[in-house]
């Protein structure tokens, strides 16, 4: 009930304060320009977007048919009708095929290592590998070997405490490692599931499952290797707990510090109960994350009942520091909730920080679709109407200080209550507002102090290039804002004020801007379709207009020429 209440409150908050897609009479400004043209002819090429499902064969493993054996020089185990029970610490090596279960019931401080040396473990009565007690467990796929775990149970329909929740199920910290290959197939519920911390290192791993492909209740960490997570009816990677660990750190985090991670999910690709962080770890290799959700995934079941199709979703804070992210989603690409009550007593910040890396985001957003008319998977004919989705959405604060962001399609490109751009290169193409500061926890604000921001929307219809339900201020950086040439739908618009005291602002379309004394107005012609190059303070920038916009207005504190 507590979690249900939290979810409902979060939904109410978002619907109340961040549904800023439609333009209303609250748009700022009465135009004093006699030459405003509200009837712009363009070469718009409207098409109907469709999703092309993607599948994966990067990680495969053949099942073995050789006789099964288990060896250990320092551990103890028993066997009963093809089932093996491990009772002490030690290293256990498996080869061959078995229709049975590996059950670990060791001491609470025991370290157990399970070595997979070319084995296939299949079971239809419970989890093929089930760890009920141990201090920690490592499962290692040895170099050059192919290993398969098959959970043959029928799909879960009700909770059963006697059943393991995953094909590999552990009630302790679990590490999956090795330079071999491990493929997990689970038709019951989850693929890999631990109630504690889960770490994946070096392994070539595929988890092909009914529900969550990879779940660590306390945390999930990927440090290296190649990981493919497939969910036909649920989420890709998930955490759950939000109390504190022995070091006082809130649980529920997902970290990717190396390796290649590809997720195919019917629902959300990556769902962190607390934080998500992507950075370069100790091995020094920048990570990569690719996510396909909804019908972008070739594995999504036609009857999947999921209602959220986000790429990476957090309840607190999302941090991207390095690496590459490629998202194809039916819902927000990146999403952070605000106000979620955690078990440790704190509340969700609703913050996204992008300080490095390269992000490519495509959100399913066909042209001429209203917020309630965007289509997603699951309904009649494999389609279901869901709300308009953003490339990047933070309920409270979005900070862009570095990296390269390319949003090629979305209903709204960047959306948050407060948006701060201080660095990096950001390119946005959207069907509604390109950048939107929506109502929320504080006065809506867009602040640009540095970086490069290139925003494109159609010059026709109910759209804004940059829209703030409060203020827009610029003291540095280079911004190109495109949009309609109309006081109600504009290239740049704010309910309160649009001001620039430094940097360069190129407006292609209408914008009512208040310029400081150090800012000059340059007369250039950059609004026609095609490629344009401008020189700003000695640095050249080239951009392309897909449409013809109404006019060009340039504001800059440094010299600008075309």
Protein backbone atom coordinates (compact mmCIF):
# COMPACT_ATOMS: atom_id res chain seq x y z
CA UNK A 1 0.00 0.00 0.00
CA UNK A 2 2.91 2.33 0.84
CA UNK A 3 4.47 1.82 -2.60
CA UNK A 4 1.09 2.18 -4.32
CA UNK A 5 0.47 5.49 -2.53
CA UNK A 6 3.90 6.75 -3.59
CA UNK A 7 3.27 5.83 -7.21
CA UNK A 8 -0.13 7.54 -7.23
CA UNK A 9 1.26 10.73 -5.69
CA UNK A 10 4.08 10.78 -8.24
CA UNK A 11 1.63 10.36 -11.12
CA UNK A 12 -0.55 13.19 -9.78
CA UNK A 13 2.51 15.45 -9.47
CA UNK A 14 3.66 14.79 -13.02
CA UNK A 15 0.22 15.21 -14.55
CA UNK A 16 -0.36 18.42 -12.60
CA UNK A 17 2.94 20.18 -13.09
CA UNK A 18 4.86 18.70 -16.00
CA UNK A 19 2.21 18.18 -18.67
CA UNK A 20 3.29 21.34 -20.43
CA UNK A 21 3.07 20.11 -23.98
CA UNK A 22 0.01 22.06 -25.08
CA UNK A 23 0.14 25.79 -25.67
CA UNK A 24 -2.46 27.91 -23.89
CA UNK A 25 -3.23 31.56 -23.30
CA UNK A 26 -0.51 31.60 -20.66
CA UNK A 27 2.05 32.02 -23.44
CA UNK A 28 4.02 35.19 -23.00
CA UNK A 29 4.02 38.33 -24.98
CA UNK A 30 1.97 40.72 -27.02
CA UNK A 31 3.83 41.36 -30.23
CA UNK A 32 4.78 44.93 -31.05
CA UNK A 33 6.34 43.90 -34.35
CA UNK A 34 4.27 44.91 -37.33
CA UNK A 35 6.01 42.44 -39.65
CA UNK A 36 5.15 39.21 -37.80
CA UNK A 37 4.21 36.64 -40.42
CA UNK A 38 1.85 33.94 -39.14
CA UNK A 39 1.34 32.22 -42.48
CA UNK A 40 4.65 30.58 -43.35
CA UNK A 41 4.87 28.28 -46.35
CA UNK A 42 7.31 25.38 -45.80
CA UNK A 43 8.46 22.25 -47.54
CA UNK A 44 7.31 20.05 -44.65
CA UNK A 45 7.44 16.34 -45.48
CA UNK A 46 5.03 14.71 -43.06
CA UNK A 47 5.40 10.95 -42.73
CA UNK A 48 4.01 8.25 -40.49
CA UNK A 49 6.73 6.81 -38.29
CA UNK A 50 6.82 3.11 -37.57
CA UNK A 51 9.04 1.13 -35.23
CA UNK A 52 11.31 -1.50 -36.70
CA UNK A 53 11.76 -4.31 -34.13
CA UNK A 54 15.38 -5.19 -33.36
CA UNK A 55 16.74 -8.57 -32.28
CA UNK A 56 20.15 -9.73 -31.09
CA UNK A 57 22.54 -12.61 -31.77
CA UNK A 58 25.67 -11.15 -30.19
CA UNK A 59 25.71 -13.68 -27.33
CA UNK A 60 24.87 -17.32 -28.02
CA UNK A 61 25.64 -20.66 -26.40
CA UNK A 62 25.00 -24.26 -27.42
CA UNK A 63 23.58 -26.73 -24.94
CA UNK A 64 25.76 -29.69 -24.07
CA UNK A 65 24.56 -33.29 -23.98
CA UNK A 66 27.58 -34.82 -22.24
CA UNK A 67 27.29 -36.51 -18.86
CA UNK A 68 27.04 -34.22 -15.83
CA UNK A 69 29.69 -34.10 -13.15
CA UNK A 70 30.48 -31.95 -10.11
CA UNK A 71 33.92 -31.66 -8.53
CA UNK A 72 35.17 -29.91 -5.41
CA UNK A 73 38.42 -30.27 -3.47
CA UNK A 74 37.43 -28.06 -0.55
CA UNK A 75 33.64 -28.15 -0.31
CA UNK A 76 30.85 -30.49 0.70
CA UNK A 77 27.68 -31.39 -1.16
CA UNK A 78 25.03 -34.08 -1.35
CA UNK A 79 22.99 -35.42 -4.24
CA UNK A 80 19.45 -36.72 -4.52
CA UNK A 81 17.82 -37.78 -7.81
CA UNK A 82 19.77 -35.31 -9.95
CA UNK A 83 19.56 -32.44 -7.46
CA UNK A 84 22.75 -31.21 -5.79
CA UNK A 85 22.87 -29.42 -2.42
CA UNK A 86 26.01 -27.45 -1.47
CA UNK A 87 26.44 -27.00 2.27
CA UNK A 88 29.86 -25.41 2.85
CA UNK A 89 32.24 -22.81 1.47
CA UNK A 90 34.40 -23.92 -1.41
CA UNK A 91 34.84 -24.06 -5.17
CA UNK A 92 32.53 -26.34 -7.14
CA UNK A 93 33.10 -27.13 -10.82
CA UNK A 94 30.30 -28.30 -13.11
CA UNK A 95 30.44 -29.92 -16.56
CA UNK A 96 27.85 -31.65 -18.71
CA UNK A 97 24.05 -31.58 -18.70
CA UNK A 98 21.65 -32.19 -15.85
CA UNK A 99 17.88 -32.04 -15.42
CA UNK A 100 17.88 -30.93 -11.82
CA UNK A 101 18.76 -28.17 -9.38
CA UNK A 102 21.91 -26.74 -7.86
CA UNK A 103 20.88 -25.67 -4.34
CA UNK A 104 23.22 -23.70 -2.05
CA UNK A 105 22.56 -23.90 1.71
CA UNK A 106 25.88 -22.81 3.19
CA UNK A 107 26.81 -20.86 6.30
CA UNK A 108 25.99 -17.16 6.51
CA UNK A 109 29.69 -16.23 6.20
CA UNK A 110 30.67 -18.87 3.65
CA UNK A 111 32.04 -17.90 0.24
CA UNK A 112 30.88 -20.25 -2.48
CA UNK A 113 32.27 -20.32 -6.04
CA UNK A 114 30.36 -22.13 -8.77
CA UNK A 115 32.49 -22.76 -11.86
CA UNK A 116 30.68 -23.46 -15.12
CA UNK A 117 32.92 -25.48 -17.44
CA UNK A 118 30.52 -26.21 -20.28
CA UNK A 119 27.31 -27.14 -18.55
CA UNK A 120 23.57 -27.08 -19.20
CA UNK A 121 21.31 -27.01 -16.14
CA UNK A 122 17.58 -27.45 -16.76
CA UNK A 123 14.81 -27.59 -14.17
CA UNK A 124 11.03 -27.26 -14.24
CA UNK A 125 10.08 -27.41 -10.55
CA UNK A 126 12.04 -24.47 -9.09
CA UNK A 127 15.04 -22.24 -9.88
CA UNK A 128 17.77 -24.28 -11.63
CA UNK A 129 20.35 -22.48 -9.45
CA UNK A 130 18.94 -21.48 -6.07
CA UNK A 131 21.02 -19.93 -3.30
CA UNK A 132 19.19 -19.86 0.01
CA UNK A 133 22.12 -19.05 2.30
CA UNK A 134 25.79 -18.04 2.01
CA UNK A 135 28.00 -15.05 2.73
CA UNK A 136 28.45 -14.40 -0.97
CA UNK A 137 28.43 -16.45 -4.15
CA UNK A 138 30.38 -16.19 -7.40
CA UNK A 139 29.22 -17.91 -10.57
CA UNK A 140 32.08 -18.06 -13.06
CA UNK A 141 31.78 -19.10 -16.71
CA UNK A 142 35.28 -20.33 -17.45
CA UNK A 143 37.23 -19.18 -20.50
CA UNK A 144 36.18 -20.74 -23.81
CA UNK A 145 33.12 -22.51 -22.39
CA UNK A 146 29.45 -22.21 -23.31
CA UNK A 147 26.92 -22.58 -20.52
CA UNK A 148 23.10 -22.58 -20.49
CA UNK A 149 20.62 -22.31 -17.61
CA UNK A 150 17.02 -23.24 -18.50
CA UNK A 151 14.13 -22.42 -16.19
CA UNK A 152 11.27 -24.44 -17.67
CA UNK A 153 8.51 -23.51 -15.22
CA UNK A 154 5.25 -22.09 -16.55
CA UNK A 155 4.78 -18.32 -16.28
CA UNK A 156 4.22 -17.10 -12.73
CA UNK A 157 0.59 -16.30 -11.92
CA UNK A 158 0.75 -15.91 -8.12
CA UNK A 159 3.33 -15.40 -5.38
CA UNK A 160 4.77 -18.58 -3.94
CA UNK A 161 7.39 -18.30 -1.19
CA UNK A 162 8.66 -21.81 -1.94
CA UNK A 163 9.64 -20.88 -5.50
CA UNK A 164 12.78 -19.05 -6.53
CA UNK A 165 12.00 -15.81 -8.37
CA UNK A 166 14.61 -16.33 -11.10
CA UNK A 167 16.40 -18.99 -13.10
CA UNK A 168 19.41 -17.98 -11.00
CA UNK A 169 18.06 -16.89 -7.61
CA UNK A 170 20.11 -15.81 -4.60
CA UNK A 171 19.42 -14.50 -1.11
CA UNK A 172 22.93 -13.08 -0.77
CA UNK A 173 25.41 -10.92 -2.70
CA UNK A 174 25.98 -12.46 -6.12
CA UNK A 175 28.75 -11.92 -8.67
CA UNK A 176 28.59 -13.26 -12.23
CA UNK A 177 32.06 -13.35 -13.80
CA UNK A 178 34.45 -15.18 -16.09
CA UNK A 179 35.49 -14.87 -19.72
CA UNK A 180 33.20 -17.62 -20.94
CA UNK A 181 29.58 -17.42 -22.11
CA UNK A 182 26.43 -17.82 -20.04
CA UNK A 183 22.90 -17.85 -21.49
CA UNK A 184 19.93 -17.83 -19.11
CA UNK A 185 16.43 -18.71 -20.35
CA UNK A 186 13.56 -18.16 -17.95
CA UNK A 187 9.89 -18.66 -18.74
CA UNK A 188 8.65 -18.41 -15.11
CA UNK A 189 9.56 -14.90 -13.93
CA UNK A 190 12.99 -13.26 -13.72
CA UNK A 191 16.23 -14.37 -15.30
CA UNK A 192 18.89 -13.44 -12.74
CA UNK A 193 17.60 -12.24 -9.38
CA UNK A 194 19.30 -11.60 -6.07
CA UNK A 195 17.70 -10.04 -3.01
CA UNK A 196 21.06 -8.32 -2.29
CA UNK A 197 23.81 -6.83 -4.51
CA UNK A 198 24.48 -8.11 -8.02
CA UNK A 199 27.76 -7.56 -9.90
CA UNK A 200 28.54 -8.58 -13.49
CA UNK A 201 32.19 -8.66 -14.60
CA UNK A 202 33.88 -9.65 -17.91
CA UNK A 203 31.24 -12.23 -18.72
CA UNK A 204 29.46 -12.70 -22.05
CA UNK A 205 25.93 -12.94 -20.68
CA UNK A 206 22.45 -13.18 -22.18
CA UNK A 207 19.38 -13.28 -19.94
CA UNK A 208 16.27 -14.08 -21.97
CA UNK A 209 13.26 -13.93 -19.67
CA UNK A 210 9.53 -13.53 -19.12
CA UNK A 211 9.74 -10.68 -16.58
CA UNK A 212 12.82 -8.79 -15.35
CA UNK A 213 15.90 -10.00 -17.18
CA UNK A 214 18.31 -8.87 -14.43
CA UNK A 215 17.27 -7.84 -10.92
CA UNK A 216 19.29 -7.00 -7.83
CA UNK A 217 17.00 -5.81 -5.07
CA UNK A 218 19.78 -3.77 -3.43
CA UNK A 219 21.92 -2.88 -6.48
CA UNK A 220 23.10 -3.90 -9.93
CA UNK A 221 26.65 -3.11 -11.11
CA UNK A 222 28.08 -3.88 -14.56
CA UNK A 223 31.85 -3.35 -14.67
CA UNK A 224 32.84 -5.09 -17.92
CA UNK A 225 31.89 -7.77 -20.41
CA UNK A 226 29.03 -8.08 -22.88
CA UNK A 227 25.55 -8.19 -21.38
CA UNK A 228 22.29 -8.71 -23.26
CA UNK A 229 19.11 -8.40 -21.18
CA UNK A 230 15.82 -9.47 -22.80
CA UNK A 231 12.37 -9.25 -21.26
CA UNK A 232 9.33 -10.36 -23.23
CA UNK A 233 6.75 -9.06 -20.75
CA UNK A 234 8.52 -6.84 -18.22
CA UNK A 235 11.55 -4.64 -17.58
CA UNK A 236 15.16 -5.19 -18.54
CA UNK A 237 17.22 -4.33 -15.43
CA UNK A 238 15.70 -3.42 -12.09
CA UNK A 239 16.42 -2.63 -8.43
CA UNK A 240 13.88 -2.44 -5.63
CA UNK A 241 15.09 -1.58 -2.11
CA UNK A 242 15.65 1.98 -0.85
CA UNK A 243 16.78 1.51 2.74
CA UNK A 244 20.43 2.13 3.73
CA UNK A 245 23.33 -0.33 3.74
CA UNK A 246 25.90 -0.71 6.52
CA UNK A 247 27.81 2.29 5.13
CA UNK A 248 24.76 4.55 5.25
CA UNK A 249 24.31 4.56 1.47
CA UNK A 250 20.80 4.31 0.07
CA UNK A 251 20.20 1.05 -1.74
CA UNK A 252 18.51 0.69 -5.11
CA UNK A 253 21.31 1.97 -7.39
CA UNK A 254 22.30 0.76 -10.85
CA UNK A 255 25.86 1.48 -12.03
CA UNK A 256 27.47 0.83 -15.40
CA UNK A 257 31.22 1.48 -15.30
CA UNK A 258 32.40 -0.56 -18.28
CA UNK A 259 31.47 -3.16 -20.84
CA UNK A 260 28.61 -3.28 -23.32
CA UNK A 261 25.01 -3.49 -22.10
CA UNK A 262 22.08 -4.01 -24.49
CA UNK A 263 18.52 -4.15 -23.21
CA UNK A 264 15.35 -5.29 -24.97
CA UNK A 265 12.29 -4.70 -22.80
CA UNK A 266 8.53 -4.82 -23.17
CA UNK A 267 8.39 -2.20 -20.40
CA UNK A 268 11.14 0.03 -19.02
CA UNK A 269 14.66 -0.76 -20.12
CA UNK A 270 16.48 0.15 -16.91
CA UNK A 271 14.54 0.98 -13.74
CA UNK A 272 16.49 2.11 -10.68
CA UNK A 273 14.66 2.41 -7.38
CA UNK A 274 17.19 5.12 -6.43
CA UNK A 275 20.07 6.25 -8.71
CA UNK A 276 21.55 5.33 -12.07
CA UNK A 277 25.16 6.23 -12.79
CA UNK A 278 27.25 5.69 -15.90
CA UNK A 279 30.98 6.38 -15.72
CA UNK A 280 34.36 4.89 -16.60
CA UNK A 281 35.54 2.52 -13.88
CA UNK A 282 38.86 1.08 -12.76
CA UNK A 283 39.38 -0.90 -15.97
CA UNK A 284 39.53 2.36 -17.91
CA UNK A 285 37.14 1.40 -20.72
CA UNK A 286 34.12 3.65 -21.21
CA UNK A 287 30.82 1.74 -21.06
CA UNK A 288 28.07 1.59 -23.67
CA UNK A 289 24.34 1.18 -23.07
CA UNK A 290 21.73 0.48 -25.74
CA UNK A 291 18.03 0.16 -24.92
CA UNK A 292 15.02 -0.84 -27.03
CA UNK A 293 11.58 -0.71 -25.39
CA UNK A 294 8.06 -1.55 -26.49
CA UNK A 295 7.77 -2.51 -30.13
CA UNK A 296 11.33 -1.39 -30.83
CA UNK A 297 12.26 -4.68 -29.17
CA UNK A 298 11.77 -7.68 -31.39
CA UNK A 299 11.11 -9.81 -28.29
CA UNK A 300 8.13 -7.94 -26.80
CA UNK A 301 5.16 -10.28 -26.41
CA UNK A 302 2.00 -9.23 -28.25
CA UNK A 303 0.01 -9.51 -25.02
CA UNK A 304 2.48 -7.66 -22.78
CA UNK A 305 0.54 -5.65 -20.18
CA UNK A 306 3.22 -3.07 -19.35
CA UNK A 307 2.21 0.61 -19.32
CA UNK A 308 5.62 2.32 -19.13
CA UNK A 309 8.25 2.03 -21.86
CA UNK A 310 11.01 4.37 -20.67
CA UNK A 311 14.65 3.88 -21.57
CA UNK A 312 16.35 4.63 -18.24
CA UNK A 313 14.11 5.56 -15.29
CA UNK A 314 15.14 6.53 -11.75
CA UNK A 315 13.31 7.54 -8.60
CA UNK A 316 16.05 9.95 -7.50
CA UNK A 317 19.06 10.97 -9.60
CA UNK A 318 20.42 9.97 -13.01
CA UNK A 319 24.08 10.73 -13.77
CA UNK A 320 25.87 10.26 -17.09
CA UNK A 321 29.59 11.03 -16.89
CA UNK A 322 31.08 9.08 -19.81
CA UNK A 323 30.45 6.37 -22.37
CA UNK A 324 27.70 6.08 -24.97
CA UNK A 325 23.94 5.70 -24.62
CA UNK A 326 21.67 4.76 -27.52
CA UNK A 327 17.92 4.71 -26.79
CA UNK A 328 14.95 3.75 -28.94
CA UNK A 329 11.89 3.99 -26.71
CA UNK A 330 8.11 4.33 -26.67
CA UNK A 331 8.26 6.57 -23.61
CA UNK A 332 10.75 9.05 -22.11
CA UNK A 333 14.32 8.26 -23.05
CA UNK A 334 15.76 9.37 -19.70
CA UNK A 335 13.40 10.00 -16.78
CA UNK A 336 13.81 11.05 -13.11
CA UNK A 337 10.93 11.16 -10.61
CA UNK A 338 10.63 13.79 -7.87
CA UNK A 339 9.22 13.31 -4.39
CA UNK A 340 9.27 9.53 -4.06
CA UNK A 341 9.41 8.57 -0.36
CA UNK A 342 12.31 6.18 0.24
CA UNK A 343 12.64 3.63 3.01
CA UNK A 344 15.66 5.52 4.39
CA UNK A 345 13.45 8.56 5.07
CA UNK A 346 14.65 10.75 2.17
CA UNK A 347 12.70 11.80 -0.91
CA UNK A 348 13.50 11.59 -4.61
CA UNK A 349 15.34 14.59 -6.11
CA UNK A 350 14.04 14.23 -9.66
CA UNK A 351 17.43 15.26 -11.06
CA UNK A 352 19.34 14.36 -14.23
CA UNK A 353 23.01 15.36 -14.61
CA UNK A 354 24.81 14.94 -17.92
CA UNK A 355 28.49 15.88 -17.73
CA UNK A 356 30.02 13.67 -20.43
CA UNK A 357 29.51 10.86 -22.88
CA UNK A 358 27.48 10.63 -26.08
CA UNK A 359 23.71 10.17 -26.03
CA UNK A 360 21.53 9.31 -29.02
CA UNK A 361 17.80 9.28 -28.24
CA UNK A 362 14.85 8.37 -30.45
CA UNK A 363 11.42 8.44 -28.84
CA UNK A 364 8.48 7.16 -30.85
CA UNK A 365 6.63 10.35 -31.78
CA UNK A 366 4.83 10.33 -35.15
CA UNK A 367 4.03 13.71 -36.60
CA UNK A 368 0.56 15.19 -36.04
CA UNK A 369 0.02 13.11 -32.88
CA UNK A 370 -1.34 14.88 -29.80
CA UNK A 371 0.01 14.05 -26.31
CA UNK A 372 -2.75 11.50 -25.86
CA UNK A 373 -2.44 10.15 -29.38
CA UNK A 374 1.08 8.78 -29.44
CA UNK A 375 0.98 5.06 -30.00
CA UNK A 376 2.79 2.36 -28.04
CA UNK A 377 2.70 -1.44 -27.89
CA UNK A 378 0.19 -3.60 -26.10
CA UNK A 379 -3.26 -2.60 -27.33
CA UNK A 380 -5.37 -3.66 -30.29
CA UNK A 381 -3.18 -4.58 -33.21
CA UNK A 382 -0.12 -4.35 -30.95
CA UNK A 383 -0.71 -0.64 -30.39
CA UNK A 384 -1.74 1.30 -27.28
CA UNK A 385 -2.22 5.02 -26.74
CA UNK A 386 0.08 6.47 -24.07
CA UNK A 387 1.06 10.00 -23.08
CA UNK A 388 3.41 12.13 -25.14
CA UNK A 389 7.00 11.28 -24.32
CA UNK A 390 10.16 13.33 -23.88
CA UNK A 391 13.70 12.69 -24.94
CA UNK A 392 14.95 13.66 -21.48
CA UNK A 393 12.54 14.39 -18.61
CA UNK A 394 13.47 15.39 -15.05
CA UNK A 395 10.62 16.19 -12.70
CA UNK A 396 12.80 18.81 -10.99
CA UNK A 397 16.26 19.68 -12.38
CA UNK A 398 18.12 18.89 -15.60
CA UNK A 399 21.81 19.90 -15.67
CA UNK A 400 23.79 19.62 -18.91
CA UNK A 401 27.45 20.50 -18.37
CA UNK A 402 29.22 18.31 -20.94
CA UNK A 403 28.94 15.50 -23.44
CA UNK A 404 27.00 15.32 -26.71
CA UNK A 405 23.24 14.81 -26.76
CA UNK A 406 21.33 14.09 -29.95
CA UNK A 407 17.55 13.77 -29.70
CA UNK A 408 16.35 12.86 -33.18
CA UNK A 409 12.68 12.37 -32.33
CA UNK A 410 10.49 13.01 -29.30
CA UNK A 411 7.24 14.69 -28.36
CA UNK A 412 9.26 17.18 -26.28
CA UNK A 413 13.04 17.12 -26.34
CA UNK A 414 14.26 18.36 -22.95
CA UNK A 415 11.75 18.88 -20.15
CA UNK A 416 12.24 19.75 -16.48
CA UNK A 417 11.11 22.30 -13.91
CA UNK A 418 14.62 23.83 -13.98
CA UNK A 419 16.97 23.39 -16.95
CA UNK A 420 20.62 24.46 -16.68
CA UNK A 421 22.90 24.29 -19.73
CA UNK A 422 26.52 25.14 -18.98
CA UNK A 423 28.46 23.00 -21.45
CA UNK A 424 28.40 20.19 -23.97
CA UNK A 425 26.68 20.00 -27.34
CA UNK A 426 22.94 19.36 -27.43
CA UNK A 427 20.87 18.83 -30.56
CA UNK A 428 17.09 18.52 -30.26
CA UNK A 429 14.38 17.74 -32.81
CA UNK A 430 10.87 17.50 -31.35
CA UNK A 431 7.22 17.46 -32.40
CA UNK A 432 6.05 19.87 -29.70
CA UNK A 433 8.39 21.94 -27.52
CA UNK A 434 12.07 21.39 -28.12
CA UNK A 435 13.06 22.56 -24.63
CA UNK A 436 10.40 23.04 -21.95
CA UNK A 437 10.68 24.35 -18.38
CA UNK A 438 7.43 23.17 -16.81
CA UNK A 439 5.70 24.02 -13.56
CA UNK A 440 6.82 22.07 -10.53
CA UNK A 441 8.76 22.44 -7.32
CA UNK A 442 9.95 25.99 -8.02
CA UNK A 443 9.57 28.78 -10.59
CA UNK A 444 10.23 27.29 -14.04
CA UNK A 445 13.63 28.37 -15.34
CA UNK A 446 15.90 27.81 -18.30
CA UNK A 447 19.45 29.04 -17.70
CA UNK A 448 22.15 28.91 -20.38
CA UNK A 449 25.65 29.83 -19.22
CA UNK A 450 27.71 27.89 -21.77
CA UNK A 451 27.74 25.05 -24.26
CA UNK A 452 25.98 24.68 -27.61
CA UNK A 453 22.21 24.13 -27.87
CA UNK A 454 20.55 23.52 -31.25
CA UNK A 455 16.75 23.19 -31.15
CA UNK A 456 14.42 22.40 -34.06
CA UNK A 457 10.64 22.12 -34.24
CA UNK A 458 8.21 22.63 -37.09
CA UNK A 459 7.42 26.26 -38.00
CA UNK A 460 3.77 25.22 -38.26
CA UNK A 461 1.33 24.16 -35.58
CA UNK A 462 1.16 24.39 -31.80
CA UNK A 463 4.90 24.20 -31.09
CA UNK A 464 7.66 26.18 -29.42
CA UNK A 465 11.37 25.78 -29.96
CA UNK A 466 12.26 26.84 -26.42
CA UNK A 467 9.44 27.36 -23.93
CA UNK A 468 9.59 28.33 -20.26
CA UNK A 469 6.57 28.59 -18.03
CA UNK A 470 8.72 31.00 -16.05
CA UNK A 471 11.94 32.60 -17.29
CA UNK A 472 14.71 32.09 -19.83
CA UNK A 473 18.09 33.68 -19.19
CA UNK A 474 21.36 33.41 -21.09
CA UNK A 475 24.79 34.63 -20.02
CA UNK A 476 26.97 32.50 -22.29
CA UNK A 477 27.04 29.71 -24.83
CA UNK A 478 25.56 29.47 -28.31
CA UNK A 479 21.84 28.74 -28.77
CA UNK A 480 19.96 28.21 -32.04
CA UNK A 481 16.20 28.22 -31.46
CA UNK A 482 13.78 27.43 -34.29
CA UNK A 483 10.01 27.58 -34.31
CA UNK A 484 6.88 29.36 -35.57
CA UNK A 485 6.89 33.06 -36.30
CA UNK A 486 3.97 33.79 -33.98
CA UNK A 487 3.67 35.37 -30.55
CA UNK A 488 1.67 32.39 -29.22
CA UNK A 489 3.81 29.67 -30.83
CA UNK A 490 7.38 30.80 -31.17
CA UNK A 491 11.02 29.89 -31.63
CA UNK A 492 11.61 31.05 -28.06
CA UNK A 493 8.95 31.92 -25.51
CA UNK A 494 8.54 32.44 -21.76
CA UNK A 495 5.60 33.31 -19.54
CA UNK A 496 7.78 35.83 -17.68
CA UNK A 497 10.82 36.94 -19.68
CA UNK A 498 13.47 35.95 -22.20
CA UNK A 499 16.72 37.76 -21.46
CA UNK A 500 20.27 37.57 -22.75
CA UNK A 501 23.28 39.35 -21.26
CA UNK A 502 26.02 37.20 -22.75
CA UNK A 503 26.67 34.51 -25.33
CA UNK A 504 24.88 34.15 -28.67
CA UNK A 505 21.20 33.53 -29.34
CA UNK A 506 20.03 32.84 -32.89
CA UNK A 507 16.24 32.99 -33.24
CA UNK A 508 14.74 31.50 -36.40
CA UNK A 509 11.09 32.50 -36.14
CA UNK A 510 9.44 34.66 -33.47
CA UNK A 511 10.95 35.53 -30.12
CA UNK A 512 10.42 38.48 -27.81
CA UNK A 513 13.88 38.94 -26.27
CA UNK A 514 15.21 41.46 -23.77
CA UNK A 515 18.90 42.08 -24.56
CA UNK A 516 21.44 43.51 -22.12
CA UNK A 517 23.61 46.52 -22.88
CA UNK A 518 26.59 44.35 -23.87
CA UNK A 519 24.53 42.40 -26.43
CA UNK A 520 24.22 43.51 -30.03
CA UNK A 521 21.55 42.66 -32.58
CA UNK A 522 22.98 41.28 -35.85
CA UNK A 523 21.06 41.33 -39.11
CA UNK A 524 21.60 37.98 -40.84
CA UNK A 525 19.56 35.69 -43.06
CA UNK A 526 19.73 32.13 -41.70
CA UNK A 527 16.09 31.05 -41.72
CA UNK A 528 15.84 29.38 -45.13
CA UNK A 529 15.95 25.59 -45.41
CA UNK A 530 19.34 24.05 -46.01
CA UNK A 531 22.82 24.38 -44.54
CA UNK A 532 24.16 27.55 -42.91
CA UNK A 533 27.50 28.47 -41.34
CA UNK A 534 28.02 31.29 -38.86
CA UNK A 535 31.18 32.50 -37.19
CA UNK A 536 30.79 33.40 -33.53
CA UNK A 537 33.79 35.18 -32.03
CA UNK A 538 36.13 33.36 -34.39
CA UNK A 539 34.53 29.90 -34.04
CA UNK A 540 32.49 28.49 -36.93
CA UNK A 541 29.22 26.62 -36.43
CA UNK A 542 27.37 24.83 -39.23
CA UNK A 543 23.72 23.83 -38.89
CA UNK A 544 20.94 22.66 -41.19
CA UNK A 545 17.30 23.74 -41.32
CA UNK A 546 14.83 21.09 -42.46
CA UNK A 547 12.22 23.84 -42.91
CA UNK A 548 12.07 27.48 -43.89
CA UNK A 549 11.37 29.68 -40.88
CA UNK A 550 9.85 33.15 -40.74
CA UNK A 551 12.89 35.34 -40.08
CA UNK A 552 16.29 35.54 -38.40
CA UNK A 553 17.19 37.54 -35.30
CA UNK A 554 20.65 37.23 -33.76
CA UNK A 555 21.64 38.51 -30.31
CA UNK A 556 25.28 38.23 -29.23
CA UNK A 557 27.86 39.68 -26.87
CA UNK A 558 30.61 38.73 -29.36
CA UNK A 559 30.90 39.37 -33.08
CA UNK A 560 28.75 37.19 -35.37
CA UNK A 561 28.96 36.86 -39.15
CA UNK A 562 27.58 34.52 -41.78
